[in-house]
PDB file of N, CA and C in Angstrom:
ATOM      1  N   MET A   1     -72.939   9.590  18.250  1.00  0.00           N
ATOM      2  CA  MET A   1     -71.551   9.672  18.690  1.00  0.00           C
ATOM      3  C   MET A   1     -71.190   8.376  19.409  1.00  0.00           C
ATOM      4  N   PRO A   2     -70.076   7.728  19.035  1.00  0.00           N
ATOM      5  CA  PRO A   2     -69.701   6.492  19.706  1.00  0.00           C
ATOM      6  C   PRO A   2     -69.281   6.759  21.141  1.00  0.00           C
ATOM      7  N   SER A   3     -69.529   5.793  21.998  1.00  0.00           N
ATOM      8  CA  SER A   3     -69.070   5.939  23.374  1.00  0.00           C
ATOM      9  C   SER A   3     -67.625   5.478  23.450  1.00  0.00           C
ATOM     10  N   PRO A   4     -66.871   5.923  24.473  1.00  0.00           N
ATOM     11  CA  PRO A   4     -65.461   5.569  24.561  1.00  0.00           C
ATOM     12  C   PRO A   4     -65.184   4.071  24.539  1.00  0.00           C
ATOM     13  N   GLY A   5     -66.124   3.247  24.946  1.00  0.00           N
ATOM     14  CA  GLY A   5     -65.914   1.807  24.955  1.00  0.00           C
ATOM     15  C   GLY A   5     -66.141   1.139  23.613  1.00  0.00           C
ATOM     16  N   ASP A   6     -66.808   1.822  22.686  1.00  0.00           N
ATOM     17  CA  ASP A   6     -67.079   1.250  21.367  1.00  0.00           C
ATOM     18  C   ASP A   6     -65.810   1.178  20.542  1.00  0.00           C
ATOM     19  N   ARG A   7     -65.755   0.186  19.654  1.00  0.00           N
ATOM     20  CA  ARG A   7     -64.626   0.097  18.730  1.00  0.00           C
ATOM     21  C   ARG A   7     -64.893   1.063  17.592  1.00  0.00           C
ATOM     22  N   SER A   8     -64.089   2.087  17.484  1.00  0.00           N
ATOM     23  CA  SER A   8     -64.271   3.078  16.443  1.00  0.00           C
ATOM     24  C   SER A   8     -63.295   2.813  15.311  1.00  0.00           C
ATOM     25  N   PRO A   9     -63.517   3.469  14.173  1.00  0.00           N
ATOM     26  CA  PRO A   9     -62.593   3.290  13.054  1.00  0.00           C
ATOM     27  C   PRO A   9     -61.183   3.705  13.455  1.00  0.00           C
ATOM     28  N   GLU A  10     -60.202   3.057  12.874  1.00  0.00           N
ATOM     29  CA  GLU A  10     -58.822   3.421  13.162  1.00  0.00           C
ATOM     30  C   GLU A  10     -58.547   4.840  12.709  1.00  0.00           C
ATOM     31  N   LEU A  11     -57.651   5.478  13.422  1.00  0.00           N
ATOM     32  CA  LEU A  11     -57.228   6.815  13.037  1.00  0.00           C
ATOM     33  C   LEU A  11     -56.302   6.722  11.833  1.00  0.00           C
ATOM     34  N   SER A  12     -56.329   7.762  11.020  1.00  0.00           N
ATOM     35  CA  SER A  12     -55.390   7.822   9.895  1.00  0.00           C
ATOM     36  C   SER A  12     -54.002   8.136  10.451  1.00  0.00           C
ATOM     37  N   ALA A  13     -52.996   7.921   9.640  1.00  0.00           N
ATOM     38  CA  ALA A  13     -51.624   8.215  10.058  1.00  0.00           C
ATOM     39  C   ALA A  13     -51.482   9.694  10.420  1.00  0.00           C
ATOM     40  N   ALA A  14     -52.122  10.572   9.655  1.00  0.00           N
ATOM     41  CA  ALA A  14     -52.039  12.009   9.922  1.00  0.00           C
ATOM     42  C   ALA A  14     -52.748  12.369  11.235  1.00  0.00           C
ATOM     43  N   GLU A  15     -53.883  11.740  11.498  1.00  0.00           N
ATOM     44  CA  GLU A  15     -54.596  11.989  12.764  1.00  0.00           C
ATOM     45  C   GLU A  15     -53.753  11.527  13.946  1.00  0.00           C
ATOM     46  N   ARG A  16     -53.151  10.344  13.820  1.00  0.00           N
ATOM     47  CA  ARG A  16     -52.288   9.841  14.898  1.00  0.00           C
ATOM     48  C   ARG A  16     -51.112  10.783  15.135  1.00  0.00           C
ATOM     49  N   ARG A  17     -50.494  11.245  14.049  1.00  0.00           N
ATOM     50  CA  ARG A  17     -49.328  12.124  14.191  1.00  0.00           C
ATOM     51  C   ARG A  17     -49.726  13.451  14.837  1.00  0.00           C
ATOM     52  N   ALA A  18     -50.840  14.027  14.415  1.00  0.00           N
ATOM     53  CA  ALA A  18     -51.295  15.291  14.998  1.00  0.00           C
ATOM     54  C   ALA A  18     -51.582  15.125  16.488  1.00  0.00           C
ATOM     55  N   LEU A  19     -52.239  14.034  16.861  1.00  0.00           N
ATOM     56  CA  LEU A  19     -52.499  13.787  18.286  1.00  0.00           C
ATOM     57  C   LEU A  19     -51.213  13.598  19.061  1.00  0.00           C
ATOM     58  N   ALA A  20     -50.293  12.802  18.509  1.00  0.00           N
ATOM     59  CA  ALA A  20     -49.032  12.539  19.197  1.00  0.00           C
ATOM     60  C   ALA A  20     -48.230  13.827  19.375  1.00  0.00           C
ATOM     61  N   LEU A  21     -48.201  14.666  18.368  1.00  0.00           N
ATOM     62  CA  LEU A  21     -47.489  15.942  18.487  1.00  0.00           C
ATOM     63  C   LEU A  21     -48.169  16.844  19.512  1.00  0.00           C
ATOM     64  N   SER A  22     -49.487  16.810  19.544  1.00  0.00           N
ATOM     65  CA  SER A  22     -50.230  17.587  20.535  1.00  0.00           C
ATOM     66  C   SER A  22     -49.880  17.133  21.948  1.00  0.00           C
ATOM     67  N   ALA A  23     -49.686  15.838  22.107  1.00  0.00           N
ATOM     68  CA  ALA A  23     -49.350  15.290  23.427  1.00  0.00           C
ATOM     69  C   ALA A  23     -47.996  15.785  23.917  1.00  0.00           C
ATOM     70  N   THR A  24     -47.133  16.224  23.003  1.00  0.00           N
ATOM     71  CA  THR A  24     -45.823  16.742  23.413  1.00  0.00           C
ATOM     72  C   THR A  24     -45.899  18.187  23.873  1.00  0.00           C
ATOM     73  N   GLY A  25     -47.085  18.792  23.724  1.00  0.00           N
ATOM     74  CA  GLY A  25     -47.270  20.164  24.166  1.00  0.00           C
ATOM     75  C   GLY A  25     -47.250  21.195  23.058  1.00  0.00           C
ATOM     76  N   LEU A  26     -47.088  20.739  21.816  1.00  0.00           N
ATOM     77  CA  LEU A  26     -47.101  21.682  20.699  1.00  0.00           C
ATOM     78  C   LEU A  26     -48.511  22.207  20.478  1.00  0.00           C
ATOM     79  N   VAL A  27     -48.605  23.461  20.058  1.00  0.00           N
ATOM     80  CA  VAL A  27     -49.902  24.055  19.707  1.00  0.00           C
ATOM     81  C   VAL A  27     -50.140  23.842  18.217  1.00  0.00           C
ATOM     82  N   VAL A  28     -51.354  24.129  17.775  1.00  0.00           N
ATOM     83  CA  VAL A  28     -51.772  23.841  16.406  1.00  0.00           C
ATOM     84  C   VAL A  28     -50.798  24.411  15.368  1.00  0.00           C
ATOM     85  N   THR A  29     -50.375  25.654  15.531  1.00  0.00           N
ATOM     86  CA  THR A  29     -49.487  26.253  14.538  1.00  0.00           C
ATOM     87  C   THR A  29     -48.134  25.543  14.501  1.00  0.00           C
ATOM     88  N   GLU A  30     -47.646  25.111  15.646  1.00  0.00           N
ATOM     89  CA  GLU A  30     -46.375  24.380  15.690  1.00  0.00           C
ATOM     90  C   GLU A  30     -46.519  22.993  15.060  1.00  0.00           C
ATOM     91  N   ILE A  31     -47.636  22.330  15.332  1.00  0.00           N
ATOM     92  CA  ILE A  31     -47.905  21.023  14.725  1.00  0.00           C
ATOM     93  C   ILE A  31     -47.955  21.174  13.209  1.00  0.00           C
ATOM     94  N   ALA A  32     -48.599  22.229  12.745  1.00  0.00           N
ATOM     95  CA  ALA A  32     -48.701  22.483  11.305  1.00  0.00           C
ATOM     96  C   ALA A  32     -47.318  22.642  10.683  1.00  0.00           C
ATOM     97  N   GLN A  33     -46.432  23.364  11.354  1.00  0.00           N
ATOM     98  CA  GLN A  33     -45.073  23.541  10.843  1.00  0.00           C
ATOM     99  C   GLN A  33     -44.343  22.210  10.759  1.00  0.00           C
ATOM    100  N   VAL A  34     -44.440  21.405  11.812  1.00  0.00           N
ATOM    101  CA  VAL A  34     -43.764  20.106  11.842  1.00  0.00           C
ATOM    102  C   VAL A  34     -44.306  19.191  10.750  1.00  0.00           C
ATOM    103  N   MET A  35     -45.619  19.211  10.564  1.00  0.00           N
ATOM    104  CA  MET A  35     -46.257  18.327   9.588  1.00  0.00           C
ATOM    105  C   MET A  35     -46.218  18.887   8.169  1.00  0.00           C
ATOM    106  N   GLY A  36     -45.821  20.148   8.011  1.00  0.00           N
ATOM    107  CA  GLY A  36     -45.771  20.755   6.697  1.00  0.00           C
ATOM    108  C   GLY A  36     -47.139  20.979   6.090  1.00  0.00           C
ATOM    109  N   THR A  37     -48.068  21.401   6.924  1.00  0.00           N
ATOM    110  CA  THR A  37     -49.441  21.633   6.465  1.00  0.00           C
ATOM    111  C   THR A  37     -49.976  22.904   7.116  1.00  0.00           C
ATOM    112  N   SER A  38     -51.234  23.188   6.919  1.00  0.00           N
ATOM    113  CA  SER A  38     -51.832  24.404   7.485  1.00  0.00           C
ATOM    114  C   SER A  38     -52.414  24.135   8.876  1.00  0.00           C
ATOM    115  N   ALA A  39     -52.571  25.214   9.623  1.00  0.00           N
ATOM    116  CA  ALA A  39     -53.186  25.107  10.939  1.00  0.00           C
ATOM    117  C   ALA A  39     -54.629  24.606  10.816  1.00  0.00           C
ATOM    118  N   GLY A  40     -55.318  25.027   9.769  1.00  0.00           N
ATOM    119  CA  GLY A  40     -56.690  24.566   9.550  1.00  0.00           C
ATOM    120  C   GLY A  40     -56.759  23.062   9.348  1.00  0.00           C
ATOM    121  N   ARG A  41     -55.809  22.532   8.604  1.00  0.00           N
ATOM    122  CA  ARG A  41     -55.763  21.074   8.392  1.00  0.00           C
ATOM    123  C   ARG A  41     -55.499  20.350   9.708  1.00  0.00           C
ATOM    124  N   VAL A  42     -54.614  20.882  10.526  1.00  0.00           N
ATOM    125  CA  VAL A  42     -54.327  20.261  11.826  1.00  0.00           C
ATOM    126  C   VAL A  42     -55.583  20.280  12.694  1.00  0.00           C
ATOM    127  N   ARG A  43     -56.288  21.383  12.711  1.00  0.00           N
ATOM    128  CA  ARG A  43     -57.540  21.464  13.486  1.00  0.00           C
ATOM    129  C   ARG A  43     -58.530  20.412  13.007  1.00  0.00           C
ATOM    130  N   MET A  44     -58.614  20.240  11.684  1.00  0.00           N
ATOM    131  CA  MET A  44     -59.519  19.245  11.107  1.00  0.00           C
ATOM    132  C   MET A  44     -59.090  17.834  11.508  1.00  0.00           C
ATOM    133  N   LEU A  45     -57.790  17.559  11.468  1.00  0.00           N
ATOM    134  CA  LEU A  45     -57.288  16.233  11.852  1.00  0.00           C
ATOM    135  C   LEU A  45     -57.594  15.930  13.323  1.00  0.00           C
ATOM    136  N   LEU A  46     -57.375  16.920  14.183  1.00  0.00           N
ATOM    137  CA  LEU A  46     -57.649  16.717  15.608  1.00  0.00           C
ATOM    138  C   LEU A  46     -59.147  16.531  15.855  1.00  0.00           C
ATOM    139  N   ALA A  47     -59.977  17.327  15.186  1.00  0.00           N
ATOM    140  CA  ALA A  47     -61.429  17.193  15.346  1.00  0.00           C
ATOM    141  C   ALA A  47     -61.896  15.828  14.855  1.00  0.00           C
ATOM    142  N   SER A  48     -61.351  15.372  13.746  1.00  0.00           N
ATOM    143  CA  SER A  48     -61.718  14.064  13.206  1.00  0.00           C
ATOM    144  C   SER A  48     -61.312  12.949  14.168  1.00  0.00           C
ATOM    145  N   ALA A  49     -60.121  13.055  14.733  1.00  0.00           N
ATOM    146  CA  ALA A  49     -59.653  12.046  15.688  1.00  0.00           C
ATOM    147  C   ALA A  49     -60.552  12.023  16.923  1.00  0.00           C
ATOM    148  N   ILE A  50     -60.912  13.194  17.409  1.00  0.00           N
ATOM    149  CA  ILE A  50     -61.791  13.282  18.581  1.00  0.00           C
ATOM    150  C   ILE A  50     -63.114  12.588  18.282  1.00  0.00           C
ATOM    151  N   THR A  51     -63.677  12.855  17.116  1.00  0.00           N
ATOM    152  CA  THR A  51     -64.949  12.237  16.723  1.00  0.00           C
ATOM    153  C   THR A  51     -64.809  10.722  16.600  1.00  0.00           C
ATOM    154  N   LYS A  52     -63.789  10.267  15.885  1.00  0.00           N
ATOM    155  CA  LYS A  52     -63.597   8.830  15.688  1.00  0.00           C
ATOM    156  C   LYS A  52     -63.420   8.082  17.003  1.00  0.00           C
ATOM    157  N   LEU A  53     -62.768   8.722  17.960  1.00  0.00           N
ATOM    158  CA  LEU A  53     -62.527   8.080  19.251  1.00  0.00           C
ATOM    159  C   LEU A  53     -63.715   8.210  20.201  1.00  0.00           C
ATOM    160  N   GLY A  54     -64.698   9.005  19.834  1.00  0.00           N
ATOM    161  CA  GLY A  54     -65.863   9.204  20.689  1.00  0.00           C
ATOM    162  C   GLY A  54     -65.539  10.027  21.917  1.00  0.00           C
ATOM    163  N   ALA A  55     -64.529  10.882  21.783  1.00  0.00           N
ATOM    164  CA  ALA A  55     -64.084  11.708  22.906  1.00  0.00           C
ATOM    165  C   ALA A  55     -64.837  13.033  22.918  1.00  0.00           C
ATOM    166  N   ARG A  56     -64.787  13.700  24.060  1.00  0.00           N
ATOM    167  CA  ARG A  56     -65.430  15.006  24.191  1.00  0.00           C
ATOM    168  C   ARG A  56     -64.421  16.142  24.188  1.00  0.00           C
ATOM    169  N   SER A  57     -63.135  15.795  24.240  1.00  0.00           N
ATOM    170  CA  SER A  57     -62.089  16.818  24.250  1.00  0.00           C
ATOM    171  C   SER A  57     -60.810  16.225  23.672  1.00  0.00           C
ATOM    172  N   LYS A  58     -59.865  17.099  23.391  1.00  0.00           N
ATOM    173  CA  LYS A  58     -58.582  16.635  22.883  1.00  0.00           C
ATOM    174  C   LYS A  58     -57.862  15.804  23.942  1.00  0.00           C
ATOM    175  N   LEU A  59     -57.953  16.213  25.189  1.00  0.00           N
ATOM    176  CA  LEU A  59     -57.315  15.460  26.255  1.00  0.00           C
ATOM    177  C   LEU A  59     -57.891  14.051  26.359  1.00  0.00           C
ATOM    178  N   GLU A  60     -59.208  13.937  26.317  1.00  0.00           N
ATOM    179  CA  GLU A  60     -59.828  12.616  26.373  1.00  0.00           C
ATOM    180  C   GLU A  60     -59.416  11.795  25.149  1.00  0.00           C
ATOM    181  N   ALA A  61     -59.318  12.416  23.992  1.00  0.00           N
ATOM    182  CA  ALA A  61     -58.884  11.708  22.784  1.00  0.00           C
ATOM    183  C   ALA A  61     -57.460  11.187  22.940  1.00  0.00           C
ATOM    184  N   LEU A  62     -56.595  11.984  23.535  1.00  0.00           N
ATOM    185  CA  LEU A  62     -55.216  11.543  23.771  1.00  0.00           C
ATOM    186  C   LEU A  62     -55.175  10.319  24.673  1.00  0.00           C
ATOM    187  N   VAL A  63     -55.951  10.345  25.732  1.00  0.00           N
ATOM    188  CA  VAL A  63     -55.998   9.213  26.661  1.00  0.00           C
ATOM    189  C   VAL A  63     -56.549   7.972  25.974  1.00  0.00           C
ATOM    190  N   LEU A  64     -57.644   8.121  25.254  1.00  0.00           N
ATOM    191  CA  LEU A  64     -58.244   6.977  24.566  1.00  0.00           C
ATOM    192  C   LEU A  64     -57.319   6.414  23.492  1.00  0.00           C
ATOM    193  N   ALA A  65     -56.666   7.290  22.750  1.00  0.00           N
ATOM    194  CA  ALA A  65     -55.744   6.839  21.702  1.00  0.00           C
ATOM    195  C   ALA A  65     -54.546   6.109  22.304  1.00  0.00           C
ATOM    196  N   ALA A  66     -54.063   6.591  23.432  1.00  0.00           N
ATOM    197  CA  ALA A  66     -52.939   5.925  24.089  1.00  0.00           C
ATOM    198  C   ALA A  66     -53.362   4.565  24.637  1.00  0.00           C
ATOM    199  N   ARG A  67     -54.516   4.507  25.267  1.00  0.00           N
ATOM    200  CA  ARG A  67     -55.007   3.240  25.829  1.00  0.00           C
ATOM    201  C   ARG A  67     -55.253   2.189  24.750  1.00  0.00           C
ATOM    202  N   SER A  68     -55.698   2.633  23.573  1.00  0.00           N
ATOM    203  CA  SER A  68     -56.017   1.686  22.496  1.00  0.00           C
ATOM    204  C   SER A  68     -54.784   1.340  21.658  1.00  0.00           C
ATOM    205  N   GLY A  69     -53.671   1.997  21.935  1.00  0.00           N
ATOM    206  CA  GLY A  69     -52.452   1.717  21.177  1.00  0.00           C
ATOM    207  C   GLY A  69     -52.336   2.507  19.884  1.00  0.00           C
ATOM    208  N   GLU A  70     -53.266   3.428  19.653  1.00  0.00           N
ATOM    209  CA  GLU A  70     -53.215   4.242  18.433  1.00  0.00           C
ATOM    210  C   GLU A  70     -52.004   5.169  18.441  1.00  0.00           C
ATOM    211  N   ILE A  71     -51.652   5.698  19.626  1.00  0.00           N
ATOM    212  CA  ILE A  71     -50.456   6.540  19.754  1.00  0.00           C
ATOM    213  C   ILE A  71     -49.653   6.069  20.950  1.00  0.00           C
ATOM    214  N   ASP A  72     -48.376   6.373  20.930  1.00  0.00           N
ATOM    215  CA  ASP A  72     -47.471   6.011  22.025  1.00  0.00           C
ATOM    216  C   ASP A  72     -47.037   7.289  22.712  1.00  0.00           C
ATOM    217  N   LEU A  73     -47.305   7.383  23.997  1.00  0.00           N
ATOM    218  CA  LEU A  73     -46.952   8.583  24.743  1.00  0.00           C
ATOM    219  C   LEU A  73     -45.583   8.479  25.419  1.00  0.00           C
ATOM    220  N   ALA A  74     -44.899   7.369  25.225  1.00  0.00           N
ATOM    221  CA  ALA A  74     -43.577   7.193  25.835  1.00  0.00           C
ATOM    222  C   ALA A  74     -42.574   8.129  25.164  1.00  0.00           C
ATOM    223  N   PRO A  75     -41.638   8.659  25.958  1.00  0.00           N
ATOM    224  CA  PRO A  75     -40.634   9.584  25.393  1.00  0.00           C
ATOM    225  C   PRO A  75     -39.708   8.909  24.408  1.00  0.00           C
TER     226      PRO A  75
END
């Protein structure tokens, strides 16, 4: 598992979007509706993003993605 300081592979557009939507407070089923996909796919995208970022949780992944410029948390 990569450590948070390691350069990990870039997130896919779908992974970035799922994380960004999660940061707005949407739950998996709501993210799935917005993205036009299944809840299972959203769970897979979030899990993949967490792994790629070397995070231990969705919250840590959000912070790491924001710090690296992968997602923008500004309103």
